[in-house]
Amino acid sequence: MKDDMRFHSSNFNVKQGETIRFVAKNSGKVKHEMVLGTENDLKDHYEVMKKNPEMEHADDNMVTVAPGKSGEIIWQFTRAGKVDFACLQPGHFDAGMKGLVNVAASKLPPKSDGHNDHKH
């Protein structure tokens, strides 16, 4: 993540059922974050963030990263399709700080670990 409001790796291809460790490195001078979700969920959350810019996150699908630091998200992609991600710090989403994970369908049924019970 850099202060030009871009994820410099913004498109990923994974397989359904695969678990990925995203390492988000902030090489800029302002706070950034990475949040996984649907496009609509991200837009809704962004509106909340604009009203509460200092809001802290503790959800598994997001990480806030201070300047010069790194953070990570470990996520299992249980459904085929697309999963969006974005920085929801005020102004960053509007500036285009977003990306996409393409999840290819697996021929094997996903393992049930309780993770399938919530939305992605």
PDB file of N, CA and C in Angstrom:
ATOM      1  N   MET A   1       0.848  -1.176   0.000  1.00  0.00           N
ATOM      2  CA  MET A   1       0.000   0.000   0.000  1.00  0.00           C
ATOM      3  C   MET A   1       0.897   1.243   0.000  1.00  0.00           C
ATOM      4  N   LYS A   2       0.543   2.175  -0.876  1.00  0.00           N
ATOM      5  CA  LYS A   2       1.309   3.409  -0.956  1.00  0.00           C
ATOM      6  C   LYS A   2       0.347   4.594  -0.932  1.00  0.00           C
ATOM      7  N   ASP A   3       0.923   5.783  -0.733  1.00  0.00           N
ATOM      8  CA  ASP A   3       0.100   6.984  -0.628  1.00  0.00           C
ATOM      9  C   ASP A   3      -0.408   7.494  -1.970  1.00  0.00           C
ATOM     10  N   ASP A   4      -0.127   6.777  -3.074  1.00  0.00           N
ATOM     11  CA  ASP A   4      -0.748   7.126  -4.354  1.00  0.00           C
ATOM     12  C   ASP A   4      -2.140   6.500  -4.446  1.00  0.00           C
ATOM     13  N   MET A   5      -2.615   5.964  -3.314  1.00  0.00           N
ATOM     14  CA  MET A   5      -3.954   5.373  -3.166  1.00  0.00           C
ATOM     15  C   MET A   5      -4.147   4.169  -4.069  1.00  0.00           C
ATOM     16  N   ARG A   6      -3.146   3.294  -4.061  1.00  0.00           N
ATOM     17  CA  ARG A   6      -3.206   2.057  -4.831  1.00  0.00           C
ATOM     18  C   ARG A   6      -2.674   0.895  -4.002  1.00  0.00           C
ATOM     19  N   PHE A   7      -3.251  -0.275  -4.243  1.00  0.00           N
ATOM     20  CA  PHE A   7      -2.655  -1.530  -3.809  1.00  0.00           C
ATOM     21  C   PHE A   7      -1.783  -1.937  -4.988  1.00  0.00           C
ATOM     22  N   HIS A   8      -0.514  -2.112  -4.791  1.00  0.00           N
ATOM     23  CA  HIS A   8       0.353  -2.403  -5.932  1.00  0.00           C
ATOM     24  C   HIS A   8       0.298  -3.865  -6.349  1.00  0.00           C
ATOM     25  N   SER A   9      -0.428  -4.664  -5.621  1.00  0.00           N
ATOM     26  CA  SER A   9      -0.887  -5.983  -6.065  1.00  0.00           C
ATOM     27  C   SER A   9      -2.394  -5.937  -5.854  1.00  0.00           C
ATOM     28  N   SER A  10      -3.139  -5.748  -6.938  1.00  0.00           N
ATOM     29  CA  SER A  10      -4.569  -5.493  -6.768  1.00  0.00           C
ATOM     30  C   SER A  10      -5.469  -6.548  -7.407  1.00  0.00           C
ATOM     31  N   ASN A  11      -4.883  -7.538  -8.057  1.00  0.00           N
ATOM     32  CA  ASN A  11      -5.677  -8.617  -8.644  1.00  0.00           C
ATOM     33  C   ASN A  11      -5.037  -9.955  -8.301  1.00  0.00           C
ATOM     34  N   PHE A  12      -5.849 -10.834  -7.724  1.00  0.00           N
ATOM     35  CA  PHE A  12      -5.374 -12.145  -7.312  1.00  0.00           C
ATOM     36  C   PHE A  12      -6.293 -13.216  -7.875  1.00  0.00           C
ATOM     37  N   ASN A  13      -5.730 -14.348  -8.217  1.00  0.00           N
ATOM     38  CA  ASN A  13      -6.502 -15.509  -8.660  1.00  0.00           C
ATOM     39  C   ASN A  13      -6.254 -16.633  -7.670  1.00  0.00           C
ATOM     40  N   VAL A  14      -7.334 -17.158  -7.090  1.00  0.00           N
ATOM     41  CA  VAL A  14      -7.240 -18.250  -6.125  1.00  0.00           C
ATOM     42  C   VAL A  14      -8.258 -19.315  -6.496  1.00  0.00           C
ATOM     43  N   LYS A  15      -8.157 -20.459  -5.831  1.00  0.00           N
ATOM     44  CA  LYS A  15      -9.113 -21.537  -6.052  1.00  0.00           C
ATOM     45  C   LYS A  15     -10.065 -21.624  -4.868  1.00  0.00           C
ATOM     46  N   GLN A  16     -11.291 -21.980  -5.138  1.00  0.00           N
ATOM     47  CA  GLN A  16     -12.287 -22.192  -4.096  1.00  0.00           C
ATOM     48  C   GLN A  16     -11.741 -23.194  -3.078  1.00  0.00           C
ATOM     49  N   GLY A  17     -11.874 -22.873  -1.799  1.00  0.00           N
ATOM     50  CA  GLY A  17     -11.386 -23.726  -0.726  1.00  0.00           C
ATOM     51  C   GLY A  17      -9.965 -23.398  -0.299  1.00  0.00           C
ATOM     52  N   GLU A  18      -9.273 -22.591  -1.092  1.00  0.00           N
ATOM     53  CA  GLU A  18      -7.890 -22.233  -0.784  1.00  0.00           C
ATOM     54  C   GLU A  18      -7.835 -21.196   0.337  1.00  0.00           C
ATOM     55  N   THR A  19      -6.842 -21.334   1.218  1.00  0.00           N
ATOM     56  CA  THR A  19      -6.607 -20.357   2.277  1.00  0.00           C
ATOM     57  C   THR A  19      -5.393 -19.528   1.880  1.00  0.00           C
ATOM     58  N   ILE A  20      -5.556 -18.213   1.911  1.00  0.00           N
ATOM     59  CA  ILE A  20      -4.521 -17.280   1.471  1.00  0.00           C
ATOM     60  C   ILE A  20      -4.119 -16.384   2.637  1.00  0.00           C
ATOM     61  N   ARG A  21      -2.824 -16.129   2.751  1.00  0.00           N
ATOM     62  CA  ARG A  21      -2.323 -15.165   3.737  1.00  0.00           C
ATOM     63  C   ARG A  21      -1.909 -13.917   2.967  1.00  0.00           C
ATOM     64  N   PHE A  22      -2.677 -12.854   3.121  1.00  0.00           N
ATOM     65  CA  PHE A  22      -2.357 -11.566   2.514  1.00  0.00           C
ATOM     66  C   PHE A  22      -1.482 -10.797   3.497  1.00  0.00           C
ATOM     67  N   VAL A  23      -0.337 -10.336   3.046  1.00  0.00           N
ATOM     68  CA  VAL A  23       0.512  -9.487   3.869  1.00  0.00           C
ATOM     69  C   VAL A  23       0.401  -8.084   3.290  1.00  0.00           C
ATOM     70  N   ALA A  24      -0.167  -7.186   4.079  1.00  0.00           N
ATOM     71  CA  ALA A  24      -0.377  -5.804   3.648  1.00  0.00           C
ATOM     72  C   ALA A  24       0.741  -4.946   4.229  1.00  0.00           C
ATOM     73  N   LYS A  25       1.611  -4.446   3.357  1.00  0.00           N
ATOM     74  CA  LYS A  25       2.729  -3.610   3.792  1.00  0.00           C
ATOM     75  C   LYS A  25       2.421  -2.164   3.420  1.00  0.00           C
ATOM     76  N   ASN A  26       2.447  -1.300   4.413  1.00  0.00           N
ATOM     77  CA  ASN A  26       2.188   0.117   4.189  1.00  0.00           C
ATOM     78  C   ASN A  26       3.529   0.834   4.049  1.00  0.00           C
ATOM     79  N   SER A  27       3.891   1.169   2.819  1.00  0.00           N
ATOM     80  CA  SER A  27       5.147   1.879   2.603  1.00  0.00           C
ATOM     81  C   SER A  27       4.912   3.379   2.432  1.00  0.00           C
ATOM     82  N   GLY A  28       3.716   3.833   2.818  1.00  0.00           N
ATOM     83  CA  GLY A  28       3.393   5.255   2.744  1.00  0.00           C
ATOM     84  C   GLY A  28       3.580   5.963   4.068  1.00  0.00           C
ATOM     85  N   LYS A  29       3.053   7.180   4.141  1.00  0.00           N
ATOM     86  CA  LYS A  29       3.175   8.003   5.336  1.00  0.00           C
ATOM     87  C   LYS A  29       1.842   8.210   6.059  1.00  0.00           C
ATOM     88  N   VAL A  30       0.756   7.624   5.529  1.00  0.00           N
ATOM     89  CA  VAL A  30      -0.559   7.711   6.173  1.00  0.00           C
ATOM     90  C   VAL A  30      -1.095   6.302   6.414  1.00  0.00           C
ATOM     91  N   LYS A  31      -2.041   6.191   7.347  1.00  0.00           N
ATOM     92  CA  LYS A  31      -2.650   4.909   7.675  1.00  0.00           C
ATOM     93  C   LYS A  31      -3.466   4.398   6.491  1.00  0.00           C
ATOM     94  N   HIS A  32      -3.352   3.087   6.233  1.00  0.00           N
ATOM     95  CA  HIS A  32      -4.150   2.424   5.201  1.00  0.00           C
ATOM     96  C   HIS A  32      -4.765   1.176   5.817  1.00  0.00           C
ATOM     97  N   GLU A  33      -5.710   0.583   5.096  1.00  0.00           N
ATOM     98  CA  GLU A  33      -6.262  -0.694   5.539  1.00  0.00           C
ATOM     99  C   GLU A  33      -6.647  -1.528   4.336  1.00  0.00           C
ATOM    100  N   MET A  34      -6.802  -2.815   4.591  1.00  0.00           N
ATOM    101  CA  MET A  34      -7.278  -3.742   3.576  1.00  0.00           C
ATOM    102  C   MET A  34      -8.498  -4.423   4.161  1.00  0.00           C
ATOM    103  N   VAL A  35      -9.611  -4.332   3.440  1.00  0.00           N
ATOM    104  CA  VAL A  35     -10.870  -4.934   3.883  1.00  0.00           C
ATOM    105  C   VAL A  35     -11.408  -5.790   2.741  1.00  0.00           C
ATOM    106  N   LEU A  36     -11.654  -7.067   3.023  1.00  0.00           N
ATOM    107  CA  LEU A  36     -12.254  -7.990   2.048  1.00  0.00           C
ATOM    108  C   LEU A  36     -13.768  -7.968   2.199  1.00  0.00           C
ATOM    109  N   GLY A  37     -14.506  -8.047   1.084  1.00  0.00           N
ATOM    110  CA  GLY A  37     -15.957  -8.114   1.149  1.00  0.00           C
ATOM    111  C   GLY A  37     -16.593  -7.960  -0.218  1.00  0.00           C
ATOM    112  N   THR A  38     -17.911  -7.901  -0.229  1.00  0.00           N
ATOM    113  CA  THR A  38     -18.603  -7.632  -1.492  1.00  0.00           C
ATOM    114  C   THR A  38     -18.491  -6.144  -1.792  1.00  0.00           C
ATOM    115  N   GLU A  39     -18.685  -5.786  -3.035  1.00  0.00           N
ATOM    116  CA  GLU A  39     -18.616  -4.368  -3.409  1.00  0.00           C
ATOM    117  C   GLU A  39     -19.610  -3.542  -2.589  1.00  0.00           C
ATOM    118  N   ASN A  40     -20.832  -4.056  -2.414  1.00  0.00           N
ATOM    119  CA  ASN A  40     -21.838  -3.325  -1.641  1.00  0.00           C
ATOM    120  C   ASN A  40     -21.458  -3.201  -0.176  1.00  0.00           C
ATOM    121  N   ASP A  41     -20.942  -4.281   0.426  1.00  0.00           N
ATOM    122  CA  ASP A  41     -20.503  -4.215   1.821  1.00  0.00           C
ATOM    123  C   ASP A  41     -19.399  -3.180   2.000  1.00  0.00           C
ATOM    124  N   LEU A  42     -18.458  -3.154   1.064  1.00  0.00           N
ATOM    125  CA  LEU A  42     -17.360  -2.195   1.157  1.00  0.00           C
ATOM    126  C   LEU A  42     -17.866  -0.761   1.045  1.00  0.00           C
ATOM    127  N   LYS A  43     -18.788  -0.528   0.115  1.00  0.00           N
ATOM    128  CA  LYS A  43     -19.342   0.826  -0.043  1.00  0.00           C
ATOM    129  C   LYS A  43     -20.087   1.261   1.214  1.00  0.00           C
ATOM    130  N   ASP A  44     -20.893   0.353   1.794  1.00  0.00           N
ATOM    131  CA  ASP A  44     -21.627   0.677   3.028  1.00  0.00           C
ATOM    132  C   ASP A  44     -20.669   0.977   4.166  1.00  0.00           C
ATOM    133  N   HIS A  45     -19.642   0.156   4.319  1.00  0.00           N
ATOM    134  CA  HIS A  45     -18.662   0.345   5.390  1.00  0.00           C
ATOM    135  C   HIS A  45     -17.900   1.655   5.181  1.00  0.00           C
ATOM    136  N   TYR A  46     -17.604   1.988   3.925  1.00  0.00           N
ATOM    137  CA  TYR A  46     -16.887   3.225   3.622  1.00  0.00           C
ATOM    138  C   TYR A  46     -17.685   4.446   4.073  1.00  0.00           C
ATOM    139  N   GLU A  47     -18.988   4.420   3.874  1.00  0.00           N
ATOM    140  CA  GLU A  47     -19.830   5.544   4.320  1.00  0.00           C
ATOM    141  C   GLU A  47     -19.736   5.715   5.836  1.00  0.00           C
ATOM    142  N   VAL A  48     -19.716   4.609   6.572  1.00  0.00           N
ATOM    143  CA  VAL A  48     -19.567   4.660   8.030  1.00  0.00           C
ATOM    144  C   VAL A  48     -18.186   5.213   8.393  1.00  0.00           C
ATOM    145  N   MET A  49     -17.158   4.771   7.674  1.00  0.00           N
ATOM    146  CA  MET A  49     -15.794   5.230   7.948  1.00  0.00           C
ATOM    147  C   MET A  49     -15.648   6.737   7.715  1.00  0.00           C
ATOM    148  N   LYS A  50     -16.343   7.272   6.724  1.00  0.00           N
ATOM    149  CA  LYS A  50     -16.243   8.709   6.457  1.00  0.00           C
ATOM    150  C   LYS A  50     -16.784   9.508   7.647  1.00  0.00           C
ATOM    151  N   LYS A  51     -17.784   8.952   8.326  1.00  0.00           N
ATOM    152  CA  LYS A  51     -18.369   9.637   9.488  1.00  0.00           C
ATOM    153  C   LYS A  51     -17.570   9.377  10.761  1.00  0.00           C
ATOM    154  N   ASN A  52     -16.823   8.259  10.797  1.00  0.00           N
ATOM    155  CA  ASN A  52     -16.045   7.856  11.972  1.00  0.00           C
ATOM    156  C   ASN A  52     -14.633   7.454  11.545  1.00  0.00           C
ATOM    157  N   PRO A  53     -13.813   8.420  11.102  1.00  0.00           N
ATOM    158  CA  PRO A  53     -12.516   8.071  10.517  1.00  0.00           C
ATOM    159  C   PRO A  53     -11.534   7.386  11.471  1.00  0.00           C
ATOM    160  N   GLU A  54     -11.712   7.512  12.759  1.00  0.00           N
ATOM    161  CA  GLU A  54     -10.784   6.882  13.706  1.00  0.00           C
ATOM    162  C   GLU A  54     -11.277   5.524  14.194  1.00  0.00           C
ATOM    163  N   MET A  55     -12.351   5.012  13.577  1.00  0.00           N
ATOM    164  CA  MET A  55     -12.911   3.733  13.978  1.00  0.00           C
ATOM    165  C   MET A  55     -11.858   2.630  13.835  1.00  0.00           C
ATOM    166  N   GLU A  56     -11.709   1.815  14.867  1.00  0.00           N
ATOM    167  CA  GLU A  56     -10.763   0.700  14.828  1.00  0.00           C
ATOM    168  C   GLU A  56     -11.500  -0.583  14.456  1.00  0.00           C
ATOM    169  N   HIS A  57     -10.798  -1.491  13.790  1.00  0.00           N
ATOM    170  CA  HIS A  57     -11.403  -2.740  13.335  1.00  0.00           C
ATOM    171  C   HIS A  57     -10.801  -3.932  14.047  1.00  0.00           C
ATOM    172  N   ALA A  58     -11.639  -4.926  14.263  1.00  0.00           N
ATOM    173  CA  ALA A  58     -11.153  -6.169  14.870  1.00  0.00           C
ATOM    174  C   ALA A  58     -11.757  -7.378  14.164  1.00  0.00           C
ATOM    175  N   ASP A  59     -12.216  -7.204  12.935  1.00  0.00           N
ATOM    176  CA  ASP A  59     -12.830  -8.300  12.200  1.00  0.00           C
ATOM    177  C   ASP A  59     -11.767  -9.082  11.429  1.00  0.00           C
ATOM    178  N   ASP A  60     -12.039 -10.359  11.190  1.00  0.00           N
ATOM    179  CA  ASP A  60     -11.086 -11.236  10.501  1.00  0.00           C
ATOM    180  C   ASP A  60     -10.840 -10.831   9.053  1.00  0.00           C
ATOM    181  N   ASN A  61     -11.790 -10.113   8.437  1.00  0.00           N
ATOM    182  CA  ASN A  61     -11.674  -9.783   7.015  1.00  0.00           C
ATOM    183  C   ASN A  61     -10.994  -8.439   6.769  1.00  0.00           C
ATOM    184  N   MET A  62     -10.351  -7.864   7.794  1.00  0.00           N
ATOM    185  CA  MET A  62      -9.743  -6.553   7.611  1.00  0.00           C
ATOM    186  C   MET A  62      -8.524  -6.371   8.485  1.00  0.00           C
ATOM    187  N   VAL A  63      -7.637  -5.488   8.027  1.00  0.00           N
ATOM    188  CA  VAL A  63      -6.452  -5.138   8.794  1.00  0.00           C
ATOM    189  C   VAL A  63      -6.157  -3.658   8.543  1.00  0.00           C
ATOM    190  N   THR A  64      -5.849  -2.936   9.629  1.00  0.00           N
ATOM    191  CA  THR A  64      -5.439  -1.538   9.547  1.00  0.00           C
ATOM    192  C   THR A  64      -3.933  -1.509   9.756  1.00  0.00           C
ATOM    193  N   VAL A  65      -3.220  -0.765   8.885  1.00  0.00           N
ATOM    194  CA  VAL A  65      -1.767  -0.786   8.907  1.00  0.00           C
ATOM    195  C   VAL A  65      -1.217   0.640   9.007  1.00  0.00           C
ATOM    196  N   ALA A  66      -0.463   0.884  10.067  1.00  0.00           N
ATOM    197  CA  ALA A  66       0.176   2.185  10.270  1.00  0.00           C
ATOM    198  C   ALA A  66       1.314   2.377   9.270  1.00  0.00           C
ATOM    199  N   PRO A  67       1.710   3.629   9.014  1.00  0.00           N
ATOM    200  CA  PRO A  67       2.821   3.883   8.083  1.00  0.00           C
ATOM    201  C   PRO A  67       4.072   3.105   8.486  1.00  0.00           C
ATOM    202  N   GLY A  68       4.713   2.480   7.488  1.00  0.00           N
ATOM    203  CA  GLY A  68       5.937   1.741   7.725  1.00  0.00           C
ATOM    204  C   GLY A  68       5.754   0.366   8.346  1.00  0.00           C
ATOM    205  N   LYS A  69       4.531  -0.035   8.586  1.00  0.00           N
ATOM    206  CA  LYS A  69       4.250  -1.318   9.237  1.00  0.00           C
ATOM    207  C   LYS A  69       3.617  -2.298   8.249  1.00  0.00           C
ATOM    208  N   SER A  70       3.432  -3.533   8.719  1.00  0.00           N
ATOM    209  CA  SER A  70       2.757  -4.564   7.937  1.00  0.00           C
ATOM    210  C   SER A  70       1.691  -5.222   8.792  1.00  0.00           C
ATOM    211  N   GLY A  71       0.704  -5.792   8.133  1.00  0.00           N
ATOM    212  CA  GLY A  71      -0.334  -6.556   8.810  1.00  0.00           C
ATOM    213  C   GLY A  71      -0.757  -7.675   7.888  1.00  0.00           C
ATOM    214  N   GLU A  72      -1.583  -8.589   8.393  1.00  0.00           N
ATOM    215  CA  GLU A  72      -1.995  -9.687   7.528  1.00  0.00           C
ATOM    216  C   GLU A  72      -3.438 -10.093   7.769  1.00  0.00           C
ATOM    217  N   ILE A  73      -3.995 -10.667   6.728  1.00  0.00           N
ATOM    218  CA  ILE A  73      -5.314 -11.293   6.771  1.00  0.00           C
ATOM    219  C   ILE A  73      -5.110 -12.719   6.279  1.00  0.00           C
ATOM    220  N   ILE A  74      -5.616 -13.686   7.028  1.00  0.00           N
ATOM    221  CA  ILE A  74      -5.620 -15.079   6.578  1.00  0.00           C
ATOM    222  C   ILE A  74      -7.074 -15.423   6.301  1.00  0.00           C
ATOM    223  N   TRP A  75      -7.357 -15.802   5.051  1.00  0.00           N
ATOM    224  CA  TRP A  75      -8.752 -15.966   4.629  1.00  0.00           C
ATOM    225  C   TRP A  75      -8.926 -17.204   3.773  1.00  0.00           C
ATOM    226  N   GLN A  76      -9.948 -17.988   4.078  1.00  0.00           N
ATOM    227  CA  GLN A  76     -10.296 -19.128   3.224  1.00  0.00           C
ATOM    228  C   GLN A  76     -11.434 -18.700   2.310  1.00  0.00           C
ATOM    229  N   PHE A  77     -11.241 -18.894   1.027  1.00  0.00           N
ATOM    230  CA  PHE A  77     -12.238 -18.524   0.031  1.00  0.00           C
ATOM    231  C   PHE A  77     -13.132 -19.731  -0.221  1.00  0.00           C
ATOM    232  N   THR A  78     -14.310 -19.701   0.365  1.00  0.00           N
ATOM    233  CA  THR A  78     -15.196 -20.869   0.343  1.00  0.00           C
ATOM    234  C   THR A  78     -16.159 -20.874  -0.838  1.00  0.00           C
ATOM    235  N   ARG A  79     -16.308 -19.736  -1.522  1.00  0.00           N
ATOM    236  CA  ARG A  79     -17.242 -19.665  -2.651  1.00  0.00           C
ATOM    237  C   ARG A  79     -16.543 -19.160  -3.895  1.00  0.00           C
ATOM    238  N   ALA A  80     -16.913 -19.747  -5.022  1.00  0.00           N
ATOM    239  CA  ALA A  80     -16.391 -19.266  -6.302  1.00  0.00           C
ATOM    240  C   ALA A  80     -17.015 -17.910  -6.616  1.00  0.00           C
ATOM    241  N   GLY A  81     -16.314 -17.135  -7.417  1.00  0.00           N
ATOM    242  CA  GLY A  81     -16.829 -15.816  -7.804  1.00  0.00           C
ATOM    243  C   GLY A  81     -15.771 -14.762  -7.567  1.00  0.00           C
ATOM    244  N   LYS A  82     -16.225 -13.563  -7.233  1.00  0.00           N
ATOM    245  CA  LYS A  82     -15.257 -12.503  -6.987  1.00  0.00           C
ATOM    246  C   LYS A  82     -15.436 -11.950  -5.583  1.00  0.00           C
ATOM    247  N   VAL A  83     -14.328 -11.576  -4.996  1.00  0.00           N
ATOM    248  CA  VAL A  83     -14.314 -10.924  -3.687  1.00  0.00           C
ATOM    249  C   VAL A  83     -13.525  -9.634  -3.871  1.00  0.00           C
ATOM    250  N   ASP A  84     -14.138  -8.529  -3.511  1.00  0.00           N
ATOM    251  CA  ASP A  84     -13.482  -7.238  -3.628  1.00  0.00           C
ATOM    252  C   ASP A  84     -12.680  -6.959  -2.365  1.00  0.00           C
ATOM    253  N   PHE A  85     -11.717  -6.065  -2.477  1.00  0.00           N
ATOM    254  CA  PHE A  85     -11.064  -5.527  -1.287  1.00  0.00           C
ATOM    255  C   PHE A  85     -10.747  -4.063  -1.544  1.00  0.00           C
ATOM    256  N   ALA A  86     -10.621  -3.308  -0.451  1.00  0.00           N
ATOM    257  CA  ALA A  86     -10.398  -1.874  -0.580  1.00  0.00           C
ATOM    258  C   ALA A  86      -9.820  -1.315   0.705  1.00  0.00           C
ATOM    259  N   CYS A  87      -9.271  -0.112   0.584  1.00  0.00           N
ATOM    260  CA  CYS A  87      -8.899   0.681   1.753  1.00  0.00           C
ATOM    261  C   CYS A  87     -10.075   1.608   2.021  1.00  0.00           C
ATOM    262  N   LEU A  88     -10.625   1.528   3.231  1.00  0.00           N
ATOM    263  CA  LEU A  88     -11.815   2.312   3.550  1.00  0.00           C
ATOM    264  C   LEU A  88     -11.501   3.555   4.387  1.00  0.00           C
ATOM    265  N   GLN A  89     -10.229   3.930   4.462  1.00  0.00           N
ATOM    266  CA  GLN A  89      -9.891   5.194   5.108  1.00  0.00           C
ATOM    267  C   GLN A  89     -10.508   6.321   4.266  1.00  0.00           C
ATOM    268  N   PRO A  90     -11.044   7.363   4.911  1.00  0.00           N
ATOM    269  CA  PRO A  90     -11.721   8.437   4.173  1.00  0.00           C
ATOM    270  C   PRO A  90     -10.866   8.989   3.027  1.00  0.00           C
ATOM    271  N   GLY A  91     -11.465   9.001   1.840  1.00  0.00           N
ATOM    272  CA  GLY A  91     -10.824   9.503   0.630  1.00  0.00           C
ATOM    273  C   GLY A  91     -10.094   8.442  -0.167  1.00  0.00           C
ATOM    274  N   HIS A  92      -9.656   7.377   0.472  1.00  0.00           N
ATOM    275  CA  HIS A  92      -8.840   6.374  -0.213  1.00  0.00           C
ATOM    276  C   HIS A  92      -9.667   5.533  -1.186  1.00  0.00           C
ATOM    277  N   PHE A  93     -10.848   5.076  -0.758  1.00  0.00           N
ATOM    278  CA  PHE A  93     -11.724   4.270  -1.621  1.00  0.00           C
ATOM    279  C   PHE A  93     -12.120   5.079  -2.854  1.00  0.00           C
ATOM    280  N   ASP A  94     -12.530   6.348  -2.642  1.00  0.00           N
ATOM    281  CA  ASP A  94     -12.927   7.218  -3.752  1.00  0.00           C
ATOM    282  C   ASP A  94     -11.776   7.453  -4.724  1.00  0.00           C
ATOM    283  N   ALA A  95     -10.545   7.423  -4.215  1.00  0.00           N
ATOM    284  CA  ALA A  95      -9.364   7.649  -5.052  1.00  0.00           C
ATOM    285  C   ALA A  95      -8.976   6.401  -5.843  1.00  0.00           C
ATOM    286  N   GLY A  96      -9.670   5.289  -5.585  1.00  0.00           N
ATOM    287  CA  GLY A  96      -9.421   4.076  -6.359  1.00  0.00           C
ATOM    288  C   GLY A  96      -8.576   3.026  -5.668  1.00  0.00           C
ATOM    289  N   MET A  97      -8.453   3.109  -4.354  1.00  0.00           N
ATOM    290  CA  MET A  97      -7.640   2.135  -3.626  1.00  0.00           C
ATOM    291  C   MET A  97      -8.472   0.890  -3.373  1.00  0.00           C
ATOM    292  N   LYS A  98      -8.507   0.039  -4.393  1.00  0.00           N
ATOM    293  CA  LYS A  98      -9.313  -1.179  -4.336  1.00  0.00           C
ATOM    294  C   LYS A  98      -8.704  -2.258  -5.205  1.00  0.00           C
ATOM    295  N   GLY A  99      -9.181  -3.482  -5.031  1.00  0.00           N
ATOM    296  CA  GLY A  99      -8.683  -4.601  -5.811  1.00  0.00           C
ATOM    297  C   GLY A  99      -9.709  -5.720  -5.855  1.00  0.00           C
ATOM    298  N   LEU A 100      -9.298  -6.841  -6.455  1.00  0.00           N
ATOM    299  CA  LEU A 100     -10.226  -7.933  -6.703  1.00  0.00           C
ATOM    300  C   LEU A 100      -9.526  -9.274  -6.555  1.00  0.00           C
ATOM    301  N   VAL A 101     -10.234 -10.212  -5.922  1.00  0.00           N
ATOM    302  CA  VAL A 101      -9.782 -11.599  -5.847  1.00  0.00           C
ATOM    303  C   VAL A 101     -10.764 -12.422  -6.678  1.00  0.00           C
ATOM    304  N   ASN A 102     -10.259 -13.100  -7.704  1.00  0.00           N
ATOM    305  CA  ASN A 102     -11.083 -13.993  -8.530  1.00  0.00           C
ATOM    306  C   ASN A 102     -10.937 -15.403  -7.963  1.00  0.00           C
ATOM    307  N   VAL A 103     -12.076 -15.988  -7.572  1.00  0.00           N
ATOM    308  CA  VAL A 103     -12.064 -17.310  -6.952  1.00  0.00           C
ATOM    309  C   VAL A 103     -12.609 -18.323  -7.955  1.00  0.00           C
ATOM    310  N   ALA A 104     -11.724 -19.189  -8.460  1.00  0.00           N
ATOM    311  CA  ALA A 104     -12.118 -20.206  -9.432  1.00  0.00           C
ATOM    312  C   ALA A 104     -12.821 -21.354  -8.725  1.00  0.00           C
ATOM    313  N   ALA A 105     -13.870 -21.880  -9.360  1.00  0.00           N
ATOM    314  CA  ALA A 105     -14.632 -22.991  -8.781  1.00  0.00           C
ATOM    315  C   ALA A 105     -13.748 -24.220  -8.639  1.00  0.00           C
ATOM    316  N   SER A 106     -13.924 -24.910  -7.531  1.00  0.00           N
ATOM    317  CA  SER A 106     -13.188 -26.137  -7.256  1.00  0.00           C
ATOM    318  C   SER A 106     -14.060 -27.325  -7.631  1.00  0.00           C
ATOM    319  N   LYS A 107     -13.415 -28.396  -8.048  1.00  0.00           N
ATOM    320  CA  LYS A 107     -14.172 -29.604  -8.348  1.00  0.00           C
ATOM    321  C   LYS A 107     -14.499 -30.378  -7.073  1.00  0.00           C
ATOM    322  N   LEU A 108     -13.755 -30.089  -6.006  1.00  0.00           N
ATOM    323  CA  LEU A 108     -13.988 -30.764  -4.724  1.00  0.00           C
ATOM    324  C   LEU A 108     -14.931 -29.929  -3.872  1.00  0.00           C
ATOM    325  N   PRO A 109     -15.836 -30.568  -3.124  1.00  0.00           N
ATOM    326  CA  PRO A 109     -16.686 -29.785  -2.228  1.00  0.00           C
ATOM    327  C   PRO A 109     -15.839 -29.171  -1.113  1.00  0.00           C
ATOM    328  N   PRO A 110     -16.140 -27.920  -0.702  1.00  0.00           N
ATOM    329  CA  PRO A 110     -15.348 -27.293   0.356  1.00  0.00           C
ATOM    330  C   PRO A 110     -15.539 -28.014   1.684  1.00  0.00           C
ATOM    331  N   LYS A 111     -14.477 -28.013   2.491  1.00  0.00           N
ATOM    332  CA  LYS A 111     -14.568 -28.600   3.826  1.00  0.00           C
ATOM    333  C   LYS A 111     -15.442 -27.717   4.689  1.00  0.00           C
ATOM    334  N   SER A 112     -16.237 -28.340   5.543  1.00  0.00           N
ATOM    335  CA  SER A 112     -17.075 -27.573   6.454  1.00  0.00           C
ATOM    336  C   SER A 112     -16.328 -27.352   7.755  1.00  0.00           C
ATOM    337  N   ASP A 113     -15.982 -26.084   7.991  1.00  0.00           N
ATOM    338  CA  ASP A 113     -15.275 -25.755   9.233  1.00  0.00           C
ATOM    339  C   ASP A 113     -16.001 -24.640   9.990  1.00  0.00           C
ATOM    340  N   GLY A 114     -17.259 -24.398   9.599  1.00  0.00           N
ATOM    341  CA  GLY A 114     -18.014 -23.315  10.222  1.00  0.00           C
ATOM    342  C   GLY A 114     -17.786 -21.987   9.520  1.00  0.00           C
ATOM    343  N   HIS A 115     -16.723 -21.906   8.716  1.00  0.00           N
ATOM    344  CA  HIS A 115     -16.404 -20.650   8.033  1.00  0.00           C
ATOM    345  C   HIS A 115     -17.413 -20.347   6.936  1.00  0.00           C
ATOM    346  N   ASN A 116     -18.085 -21.387   6.437  1.00  0.00           N
ATOM    347  CA  ASN A 116     -19.052 -21.195   5.362  1.00  0.00           C
ATOM    348  C   ASN A 116     -20.340 -20.518   5.837  1.00  0.00           C
ATOM    349  N   ASP A 117     -20.478 -20.353   7.142  1.00  0.00           N
ATOM    350  CA  ASP A 117     -21.733 -19.870   7.689  1.00  0.00           C
ATOM    351  C   ASP A 117     -21.894 -18.353   7.626  1.00  0.00           C
ATOM    352  N   HIS A 118     -20.872 -17.614   7.222  1.00  0.00           N
ATOM    353  CA  HIS A 118     -21.033 -16.165   7.130  1.00  0.00           C
ATOM    354  C   HIS A 118     -20.681 -15.677   5.735  1.00  0.00           C
ATOM    355  N   LYS A 119     -21.143 -14.463   5.437  1.00  0.00           N
ATOM    356  CA  LYS A 119     -20.992 -13.898   4.103  1.00  0.00           C
ATOM    357  C   LYS A 119     -19.546 -13.496   3.836  1.00  0.00           C
ATOM    358  N   HIS A 120     -19.188 -13.549   2.571  1.00  0.00           N
ATOM    359  CA  HIS A 120     -17.888 -13.060   2.107  1.00  0.00           C
ATOM    360  C   HIS A 120     -18.153 -12.019   1.064  1.00  0.00           C
TER     361      HIS A 120
END
